[in-house]
Amino acid sequence: MLETRFLRVHANSRGRNRGNQVSFGVSYMGTKRHLIPALTDVLSGCRNGVFLDLFSGMCTVGRSVAPSRQVWSNDLQAFSHLVAKTQFCSADTPISRHAVPGLVSRSRLSNLEELRAKFSDLFVEEEKALHAKDVSALASMFDKSVVRAQSLSDGVSRPQQYDLFTSRFGGTYFSYEQAAEIDSVRCAIDALKCEGKISEDQWSALLVALCAAMSKCANSTGHFAQALYPKNANLKKIVAQRRRSVWHEWMEAIDRVFPVGGKDWRRKNQSFQADAIDLLKELPNRTVRPSVVYADPPYTQDQYSRYYHIYETAVLYDYPSCQGKGLYRPNRISSPFSLASKVEEALDQLVESASRLKSCLILSYPKDGLLKQSDQIIPSIIKRHFGVEPTQIGLPHRHSTMGASKGRTSHDVTEMIYRVIT
């Protein structure tokens, strides 16, 4: 029988799926921070060369590897892809927060004033409700805002001013003032790029910082599955959140969004926005291939696209239709790793495709994941395609239950890290 090593992690490194872990100030579930010490140990036994993170998320693992190796990042979400590009591939130094106000002032204020005029009744109504701490009025506005957003068609022609967030997410995830500020900041940084005053990389950094500001101001529980509905129990939090300034939080975030390593190192990195298995199948055709493939696939039935659709819309800014109470984007990404009927097949295809690269494979997956008996099935899959048993490391820790929807806030679990060296 294959021996499994168990490593104890620090008591503060809890919960792979903890809802409020932060990168750049962006709340993001599924952080890999607690895995870093073990991954560093496992990675030290692999040969030198490119490190490919197949499910990069907020790039926690990539930052821990940099700059000792070239980092290739991949994520199917447009927002995560943008974060990776900003972190690892930027050719330019970001704009200083001290230079930003003078650059964006005209476009931002012009758009903001137009939105305040266009949606004046809603601005006034909401301000009265917030000032009076009138939960009934805020709840009524929430309901009307959901209906209004759901009535908008996909791909509505954009008017001269930017109003996507004001029209779709004002009164729910954000106050109308906050939503208008988001639209106006986006308008201003787009204008700077169009006028050639900032580069594509600098625009990306400012947009990632805007998403960080949205994370700080959002009226939610740390993700965007659904906005908090106004009730007496959460009224204090809702009022406080809606009083936060998007502008202030954006200014604070700008200096946190900074690329890793030097320009020469970043020039050799790559960021992909692709299905993980499709990417692995395409890589053998390349002259340069990764020496190490790290895979940390989704492990619950929850589709991540549901939790981060607001970030996705902020990046794409494509005026999508809004569906359900969560005002979700249509045709959201659905991962086979989050479908009980497809997860084993998806893992098999991932391992098979990785084996053809002749790269070292590191795969992390918890024992209580969607794939039952994963600690038996995954080693079997790896041996079938690589011809050898993987090394295994067990990490005891606690998983969050995403707000205790199942009655408990967390539970003990063992996360497994599998490694095979070719």
Protein backbone atom coordinates (compact mmCIF):
# COMPACT_ATOMS: atom_id res chain seq x y z
CA MET A 1 0.00 0.00 0.00
CA LEU A 2 1.25 3.49 -0.87
CA GLU A 3 2.32 5.51 2.16
CA THR A 4 0.71 8.90 2.67
CA ARG A 5 2.54 11.74 4.41
CA PHE A 6 0.53 14.09 6.62
CA LEU A 7 1.59 17.68 7.27
CA ARG A 8 0.14 19.88 9.97
CA VAL A 9 -0.66 23.43 8.90
CA HIS A 10 -0.70 26.51 11.11
CA ALA A 11 -3.95 26.99 12.97
CA ASN A 12 -4.62 30.28 11.15
CA SER A 13 -4.36 28.64 7.71
CA ARG A 14 -7.90 27.39 7.60
CA GLY A 15 -10.47 26.62 4.98
CA ARG A 16 -9.59 26.14 1.37
CA ASN A 17 -13.04 27.43 0.49
CA ARG A 18 -13.18 30.24 2.98
CA GLY A 19 -15.41 32.94 1.59
CA ASN A 20 -13.52 36.03 2.68
CA GLN A 21 -9.91 35.32 1.77
CA VAL A 22 -8.46 38.31 -0.02
CA SER A 23 -6.05 39.09 -2.87
CA PHE A 24 -5.63 42.76 -3.85
CA GLY A 25 -8.56 43.33 -1.50
CA VAL A 26 -10.77 41.19 -3.76
CA SER A 27 -12.92 38.73 -1.84
CA TYR A 28 -12.52 35.37 -3.54
CA MET A 29 -13.50 31.87 -2.49
CA GLY A 30 -11.27 28.85 -2.96
CA THR A 31 -8.00 30.45 -1.90
CA LYS A 32 -4.97 28.16 -2.00
CA ARG A 33 -2.99 30.13 0.57
CA HIS A 34 -3.00 27.34 3.14
CA LEU A 35 -1.53 24.93 0.58
CA ILE A 36 1.58 27.01 -0.11
CA PRO A 37 4.02 25.46 2.41
CA ALA A 38 3.21 21.92 1.24
CA LEU A 39 3.23 22.90 -2.44
CA THR A 40 6.63 24.53 -2.02
CA ASP A 41 7.94 21.30 -0.53
CA VAL A 42 6.42 19.18 -3.29
CA LEU A 43 7.56 21.53 -6.06
CA SER A 44 11.18 21.39 -4.88
CA GLY A 45 11.38 17.80 -6.12
CA CYS A 46 10.34 18.72 -9.68
CA ARG A 47 12.77 19.70 -12.42
CA ASN A 48 13.36 23.36 -13.21
CA GLY A 49 11.27 25.09 -15.84
CA VAL A 50 7.88 26.66 -16.51
CA PHE A 51 5.17 26.29 -13.85
CA LEU A 52 1.62 26.07 -15.26
CA ASP A 53 -1.28 26.82 -12.89
CA LEU A 54 -4.34 25.35 -14.65
CA PHE A 55 -6.96 26.93 -12.35
CA SER A 56 -5.17 30.11 -11.31
CA GLY A 57 -8.02 32.03 -9.63
CA MET A 58 -6.40 34.97 -7.81
CA CYS A 59 -2.85 33.71 -8.58
CA THR A 60 -1.95 32.83 -4.99
CA VAL A 61 0.14 29.83 -6.04
CA GLY A 62 1.78 31.66 -8.94
CA ARG A 63 2.92 34.45 -6.62
CA SER A 64 4.47 31.90 -4.26
CA VAL A 65 6.43 30.36 -7.17
CA ALA A 66 7.55 33.67 -8.71
CA PRO A 67 10.13 34.62 -9.72
CA SER A 68 12.08 31.37 -9.24
CA ARG A 69 10.24 29.90 -12.25
CA GLN A 70 8.41 31.28 -15.25
CA VAL A 71 4.68 31.24 -14.47
CA TRP A 72 1.96 30.34 -16.94
CA SER A 73 -1.55 30.96 -15.64
CA ASN A 74 -4.89 29.74 -16.90
CA ASP A 75 -8.48 30.43 -15.91
CA LEU A 76 -11.66 30.34 -17.92
CA GLN A 77 -13.06 33.41 -16.15
CA ALA A 78 -12.24 36.72 -17.84
CA PHE A 79 -11.65 38.43 -14.48
CA SER A 80 -9.15 35.84 -13.22
CA HIS A 81 -7.40 35.93 -16.59
CA LEU A 82 -7.05 39.72 -16.27
CA VAL A 83 -5.60 39.38 -12.77
CA ALA A 84 -3.00 36.90 -14.04
CA LYS A 85 -2.03 39.16 -16.94
CA THR A 86 -1.64 42.09 -14.57
CA GLN A 87 0.42 40.07 -12.09
CA PHE A 88 2.71 38.10 -14.35
CA CYS A 89 2.70 39.53 -17.88
CA SER A 90 2.59 43.31 -17.54
CA ALA A 91 5.23 45.19 -19.54
CA ASP A 92 4.49 48.52 -17.88
CA THR A 93 4.61 49.96 -14.39
CA PRO A 94 1.08 50.79 -13.14
CA ILE A 95 -0.05 54.39 -12.86
CA SER A 96 0.53 55.85 -9.38
CA ARG A 97 -2.61 56.61 -7.38
CA HIS A 98 -1.35 60.19 -7.03
CA ALA A 99 -1.48 60.68 -10.81
CA VAL A 100 -4.89 59.09 -11.33
CA PRO A 101 -7.25 61.87 -10.07
CA GLY A 102 -5.90 64.40 -12.54
CA LEU A 103 -6.09 61.92 -15.41
CA VAL A 104 -9.66 60.70 -14.87
CA SER A 105 -11.36 63.74 -13.38
CA ARG A 106 -13.05 65.19 -16.47
CA SER A 107 -14.50 62.00 -17.95
CA ARG A 108 -15.49 60.54 -14.59
CA LEU A 109 -17.30 63.63 -13.29
CA SER A 110 -19.05 64.26 -16.60
CA ASN A 111 -20.45 60.73 -16.74
CA LEU A 112 -21.34 60.78 -13.04
CA GLU A 113 -23.35 63.99 -13.39
CA GLU A 114 -25.23 62.59 -16.38
CA LEU A 115 -26.13 59.44 -14.43
CA ARG A 116 -27.27 61.44 -11.42
CA ALA A 117 -29.59 63.36 -13.72
CA LYS A 118 -30.83 60.31 -15.63
CA PHE A 119 -31.61 58.31 -12.46
CA SER A 120 -32.36 61.30 -10.20
CA ASP A 121 -35.60 59.89 -8.75
CA LEU A 122 -33.86 56.69 -7.69
CA PHE A 123 -30.91 58.57 -6.19
CA VAL A 124 -33.24 60.76 -4.12
CA GLU A 125 -35.47 57.88 -3.03
CA GLU A 126 -32.53 55.77 -1.92
CA GLU A 127 -30.82 58.61 -0.06
CA LYS A 128 -34.00 59.29 1.92
CA ALA A 129 -34.31 55.60 2.84
CA LEU A 130 -30.65 55.38 3.89
CA HIS A 131 -30.80 58.58 5.93
CA ALA A 132 -33.96 57.41 7.74
CA LYS A 133 -32.65 53.82 8.01
CA ASP A 134 -36.04 52.80 6.61
CA VAL A 135 -35.77 49.04 6.06
CA SER A 136 -39.20 48.82 4.37
CA ALA A 137 -38.29 51.51 1.85
CA LEU A 138 -34.92 49.87 1.12
CA ALA A 139 -36.59 46.48 0.68
CA SER A 140 -39.14 47.98 -1.68
CA MET A 141 -36.37 49.60 -3.73
CA PHE A 142 -34.49 46.31 -3.81
CA ASP A 143 -37.53 44.49 -5.23
CA LYS A 144 -38.18 47.17 -7.84
CA SER A 145 -34.49 47.26 -8.81
CA VAL A 146 -34.45 43.49 -9.40
CA VAL A 147 -37.55 43.71 -11.62
CA ARG A 148 -36.06 46.66 -13.51
CA ALA A 149 -32.77 44.87 -14.11
CA GLN A 150 -34.50 41.67 -15.24
CA SER A 151 -36.52 43.65 -17.79
CA LEU A 152 -33.41 44.81 -19.65
CA SER A 153 -32.47 42.87 -22.75
CA ASP A 154 -29.11 41.31 -23.48
CA GLY A 155 -26.84 43.58 -25.50
CA VAL A 156 -28.76 46.83 -25.07
CA SER A 157 -27.10 49.51 -27.17
CA ARG A 158 -24.88 51.58 -24.93
CA PRO A 159 -25.80 55.25 -24.70
CA GLN A 160 -23.18 57.99 -24.77
CA GLN A 161 -22.65 57.67 -21.04
CA TYR A 162 -21.73 54.43 -19.33
CA ASP A 163 -24.68 53.17 -17.24
CA LEU A 164 -24.38 49.37 -17.09
CA PHE A 165 -23.99 49.05 -13.30
CA THR A 166 -26.42 51.84 -12.49
CA SER A 167 -29.17 50.28 -14.60
CA ARG A 168 -28.54 46.65 -13.61
CA PHE A 169 -27.04 46.55 -10.11
CA GLY A 170 -28.06 49.80 -8.43
CA GLY A 171 -30.32 49.24 -5.43
CA THR A 172 -29.21 45.63 -4.95
CA TYR A 173 -25.49 44.81 -4.90
CA PHE A 174 -24.60 48.51 -4.71
CA SER A 175 -26.29 51.79 -3.90
CA TYR A 176 -27.23 53.81 -6.96
CA GLU A 177 -24.46 56.29 -6.11
CA GLN A 178 -21.88 53.47 -5.90
CA ALA A 179 -23.09 51.88 -9.14
CA ALA A 180 -22.86 55.23 -10.93
CA GLU A 181 -19.35 55.69 -9.58
CA ILE A 182 -18.35 52.25 -10.92
CA ASP A 183 -19.73 53.15 -14.35
CA SER A 184 -18.00 56.53 -14.31
CA VAL A 185 -14.60 55.17 -13.29
CA ARG A 186 -14.87 52.59 -16.04
CA CYS A 187 -15.82 55.33 -18.49
CA ALA A 188 -12.77 57.38 -17.47
CA ILE A 189 -10.17 54.61 -17.72
CA ASP A 190 -11.59 53.49 -21.08
CA ALA A 191 -11.26 57.07 -22.32
CA LEU A 192 -7.62 57.21 -21.17
CA LYS A 193 -6.80 54.03 -23.08
CA CYS A 194 -8.68 55.20 -26.17
CA GLU A 195 -6.78 58.50 -26.11
CA GLY A 196 -3.44 56.70 -25.76
CA LYS A 197 -2.71 58.21 -22.35
CA ILE A 198 -2.32 54.82 -20.68
CA SER A 199 -1.23 51.44 -22.01
CA GLU A 200 -3.29 48.25 -22.17
CA ASP A 201 -1.40 46.92 -19.14
CA GLN A 202 -2.00 50.09 -17.13
CA TRP A 203 -5.70 49.98 -18.06
CA SER A 204 -5.85 46.36 -16.84
CA ALA A 205 -4.30 47.28 -13.49
CA LEU A 206 -6.78 50.13 -12.98
CA LEU A 207 -9.67 47.80 -13.85
CA VAL A 208 -8.49 45.11 -11.40
CA ALA A 209 -8.27 47.85 -8.75
CA LEU A 210 -11.86 48.87 -9.57
CA CYS A 211 -12.96 45.27 -8.95
CA ALA A 212 -11.16 45.41 -5.60
CA ALA A 213 -13.11 48.57 -4.76
CA MET A 214 -16.35 46.83 -5.73
CA SER A 215 -15.46 43.97 -3.40
CA LYS A 216 -15.11 46.42 -0.50
CA CYS A 217 -18.41 48.19 -1.22
CA ALA A 218 -20.65 45.31 -2.26
CA ASN A 219 -23.84 44.64 -0.38
CA SER A 220 -23.22 40.88 -0.10
CA THR A 221 -21.70 38.20 2.11
CA GLY A 222 -18.29 38.18 0.43
CA HIS A 223 -19.31 36.84 -2.96
CA PHE A 224 -21.92 37.68 -5.60
CA ALA A 225 -24.26 34.69 -5.53
CA GLN A 226 -26.94 37.07 -4.26
CA ALA A 227 -27.18 40.54 -2.76
CA LEU A 228 -28.25 40.96 0.87
CA TYR A 229 -31.98 41.61 1.08
CA PRO A 230 -32.73 44.48 3.50
CA LYS A 231 -34.00 43.23 6.88
CA ASN A 232 -33.89 44.57 10.40
CA ALA A 233 -31.17 42.04 11.23
CA ASN A 234 -28.77 43.30 8.56
CA LEU A 235 -29.89 46.93 8.22
CA LYS A 236 -26.84 48.34 9.99
CA LYS A 237 -24.48 46.46 7.67
CA ILE A 238 -26.39 47.43 4.53
CA VAL A 239 -26.43 51.12 5.42
CA ALA A 240 -22.72 51.06 6.27
CA GLN A 241 -21.83 49.29 3.03
CA ARG A 242 -23.82 51.68 0.91
CA ARG A 243 -22.07 54.62 2.54
CA ARG A 244 -18.67 53.35 1.39
CA SER A 245 -17.04 55.38 -1.36
CA VAL A 246 -16.10 53.50 -4.53
CA TRP A 247 -13.71 56.32 -5.38
CA HIS A 248 -11.91 56.08 -2.04
CA GLU A 249 -11.66 52.29 -2.18
CA TRP A 250 -10.40 52.46 -5.77
CA MET A 251 -7.68 54.92 -4.78
CA GLU A 252 -6.65 52.59 -1.95
CA ALA A 253 -6.61 49.55 -4.25
CA ILE A 254 -4.52 51.09 -7.04
CA ASP A 255 -1.27 50.82 -5.09
CA ARG A 256 -2.00 47.18 -4.17
CA VAL A 257 -2.31 46.08 -7.79
CA PHE A 258 1.32 45.75 -8.72
CA PRO A 259 3.04 43.24 -11.04
CA VAL A 260 5.34 40.53 -9.68
CA GLY A 261 9.04 40.30 -10.56
CA GLY A 262 10.99 42.26 -13.14
CA LYS A 263 10.02 43.13 -16.71
CA ASP A 264 12.42 40.61 -18.24
CA TRP A 265 10.95 37.82 -16.13
CA ARG A 266 7.34 38.85 -16.87
CA ARG A 267 8.05 39.03 -20.60
CA LYS A 268 8.48 35.23 -20.72
CA ASN A 269 5.28 34.42 -18.81
CA GLN A 270 1.93 33.65 -20.39
CA SER A 271 -1.70 33.95 -19.33
CA PHE A 272 -4.38 31.78 -20.92
CA GLN A 273 -8.16 31.99 -20.80
CA ALA A 274 -9.12 28.47 -21.79
CA ASP A 275 -10.77 25.28 -20.64
CA ALA A 276 -8.07 23.48 -18.65
CA ILE A 277 -8.34 20.18 -20.52
CA ASP A 278 -8.43 21.86 -23.93
CA LEU A 279 -5.31 23.83 -23.02
CA LEU A 280 -3.44 20.68 -21.97
CA LYS A 281 -4.35 19.02 -25.27
CA GLU A 282 -3.00 21.99 -27.23
CA LEU A 283 0.30 22.46 -25.37
CA PRO A 284 2.18 19.45 -26.90
CA ASN A 285 2.20 21.40 -30.19
CA ARG A 286 4.30 24.16 -28.61
CA THR A 287 8.07 24.41 -28.69
CA VAL A 288 8.18 25.42 -25.01
CA ARG A 289 6.19 23.29 -22.61
CA PRO A 290 5.67 23.50 -18.86
CA SER A 291 7.95 21.46 -16.64
CA VAL A 292 5.29 21.39 -13.91
CA VAL A 293 1.51 21.33 -14.24
CA TYR A 294 -0.42 22.25 -11.10
CA ALA A 295 -4.15 21.44 -11.05
CA ASP A 296 -6.52 22.50 -8.29
CA PRO A 297 -9.91 21.85 -9.94
CA PRO A 298 -13.29 22.78 -8.43
CA TYR A 299 -14.38 20.16 -5.91
CA THR A 300 -17.98 21.02 -5.01
CA GLN A 301 -21.24 21.16 -6.98
CA ASP A 302 -21.18 24.96 -6.73
CA GLN A 303 -20.37 26.59 -10.06
CA TYR A 304 -17.83 29.37 -9.42
CA SER A 305 -19.25 31.52 -12.21
CA ARG A 306 -22.30 32.10 -10.00
CA TYR A 307 -20.16 33.66 -7.27
CA TYR A 308 -18.14 36.03 -9.46
CA HIS A 309 -20.49 37.12 -12.25
CA ILE A 310 -20.30 40.75 -11.14
CA TYR A 311 -16.52 40.81 -11.62
CA GLU A 312 -17.00 39.17 -15.00
CA THR A 313 -19.45 41.87 -16.06
CA ALA A 314 -17.14 44.60 -14.75
CA VAL A 315 -14.36 43.29 -17.00
CA LEU A 316 -16.43 42.52 -20.10
CA TYR A 317 -18.75 45.52 -19.69
CA ASP A 318 -21.08 44.00 -22.26
CA TYR A 319 -24.56 44.92 -20.99
CA PRO A 320 -25.79 41.34 -20.34
CA SER A 321 -29.36 40.47 -19.48
CA CYS A 322 -29.90 39.65 -15.79
CA GLN A 323 -31.41 36.39 -14.61
CA GLY A 324 -32.83 35.33 -11.26
CA LYS A 325 -32.65 37.21 -7.96
CA GLY A 326 -28.86 37.09 -8.20
CA LEU A 327 -29.07 38.95 -11.55
CA TYR A 328 -26.74 36.42 -13.16
CA ARG A 329 -25.22 36.66 -16.60
CA PRO A 330 -26.77 34.37 -19.27
CA ASN A 331 -24.79 31.34 -20.46
CA ARG A 332 -22.53 31.30 -17.41
CA ILE A 333 -19.58 28.91 -17.46
CA SER A 334 -20.40 25.41 -16.23
CA SER A 335 -17.49 23.23 -15.12
CA PRO A 336 -17.66 19.42 -15.49
CA PHE A 337 -15.58 19.23 -12.31
CA SER A 338 -18.66 20.54 -10.45
CA LEU A 339 -21.05 17.96 -11.90
CA ALA A 340 -21.29 14.63 -10.06
CA SER A 341 -22.01 12.79 -13.31
CA LYS A 342 -18.91 14.20 -15.06
CA VAL A 343 -16.25 14.87 -12.43
CA GLU A 344 -14.46 11.50 -12.65
CA GLU A 345 -14.34 11.64 -16.44
CA ALA A 346 -13.06 15.24 -16.30
CA LEU A 347 -10.27 14.29 -13.89
CA ASP A 348 -9.35 11.32 -16.08
CA GLN A 349 -9.10 13.56 -19.15
CA LEU A 350 -7.05 16.11 -17.23
CA VAL A 351 -4.52 13.54 -16.02
CA GLU A 352 -4.33 11.82 -19.41
CA SER A 353 -3.68 15.12 -21.19
CA ALA A 354 -1.06 16.12 -18.63
CA SER A 355 0.74 12.79 -19.06
CA ARG A 356 1.27 13.52 -22.77
CA LEU A 357 3.22 16.65 -21.86
CA LYS A 358 5.72 14.54 -19.90
CA SER A 359 5.59 17.21 -17.21
CA CYS A 360 5.58 16.80 -13.46
CA LEU A 361 1.93 16.78 -12.32
CA ILE A 362 0.81 18.17 -8.95
CA LEU A 363 -2.90 17.78 -8.24
CA SER A 364 -4.75 18.87 -5.09
CA TYR A 365 -8.18 17.55 -4.14
CA PRO A 366 -9.95 17.14 -0.76
CA LYS A 367 -11.14 13.77 0.52
CA ASP A 368 -14.67 15.15 0.95
CA GLY A 369 -14.86 16.59 -2.58
CA LEU A 370 -17.61 15.93 -5.10
CA LEU A 371 -15.74 12.86 -6.36
CA LYS A 372 -16.43 10.16 -3.80
CA GLN A 373 -13.49 7.99 -2.71
CA SER A 374 -11.21 10.43 -4.48
CA ASP A 375 -8.21 9.28 -2.43
CA GLN A 376 -8.55 5.89 -4.11
CA ILE A 377 -9.77 6.92 -7.57
CA ILE A 378 -7.27 9.73 -8.26
CA PRO A 379 -4.14 7.64 -7.54
CA SER A 380 -5.61 4.93 -9.80
CA ILE A 381 -6.16 7.44 -12.61
CA ILE A 382 -2.64 8.81 -12.26
CA LYS A 383 -1.05 5.34 -12.29
CA ARG A 384 -3.06 4.37 -15.38
CA HIS A 385 -1.82 7.33 -17.41
CA PHE A 386 1.65 7.94 -15.95
CA GLY A 387 2.53 4.32 -15.21
CA VAL A 388 3.66 5.09 -11.65
CA GLU A 389 2.04 5.67 -8.25
CA PRO A 390 1.89 9.31 -7.14
CA THR A 391 3.44 10.65 -3.97
CA GLN A 392 0.68 11.71 -1.58
CA ILE A 393 0.56 14.36 1.14
CA GLY A 394 -2.41 14.90 3.45
CA LEU A 395 -3.21 18.32 4.90
CA PRO A 396 -5.72 18.35 7.79
CA HIS A 397 -7.68 21.59 7.95
CA ARG A 398 -11.23 22.98 7.97
CA HIS A 399 -13.56 23.77 5.10
CA SER A 400 -16.17 26.49 5.20
CA THR A 401 -19.72 25.52 4.22
CA MET A 402 -20.29 28.79 2.33
CA GLY A 403 -22.35 30.49 4.99
CA ALA A 404 -23.45 27.37 6.88
CA SER A 405 -26.22 26.60 4.40
CA LYS A 406 -26.02 22.99 5.58
CA GLY A 407 -26.22 23.85 9.28
CA ARG A 408 -22.52 24.01 10.19
CA THR A 409 -20.13 26.85 9.49
CA SER A 410 -17.18 24.50 8.90
CA HIS A 411 -16.03 20.91 9.13
CA ASP A 412 -12.78 18.97 9.35
CA VAL A 413 -11.36 17.55 6.15
CA THR A 414 -8.12 16.23 4.72
CA GLU A 415 -6.86 17.83 1.54
CA MET A 416 -4.67 15.58 -0.57
CA ILE A 417 -1.78 16.67 -2.78
CA TYR A 418 -0.73 14.13 -5.41
CA ARG A 419 2.57 14.41 -7.29
CA VAL A 420 4.07 12.37 -10.06
CA ILE A 421 7.52 13.12 -11.53
CA THR A 422 8.41 12.14 -15.08
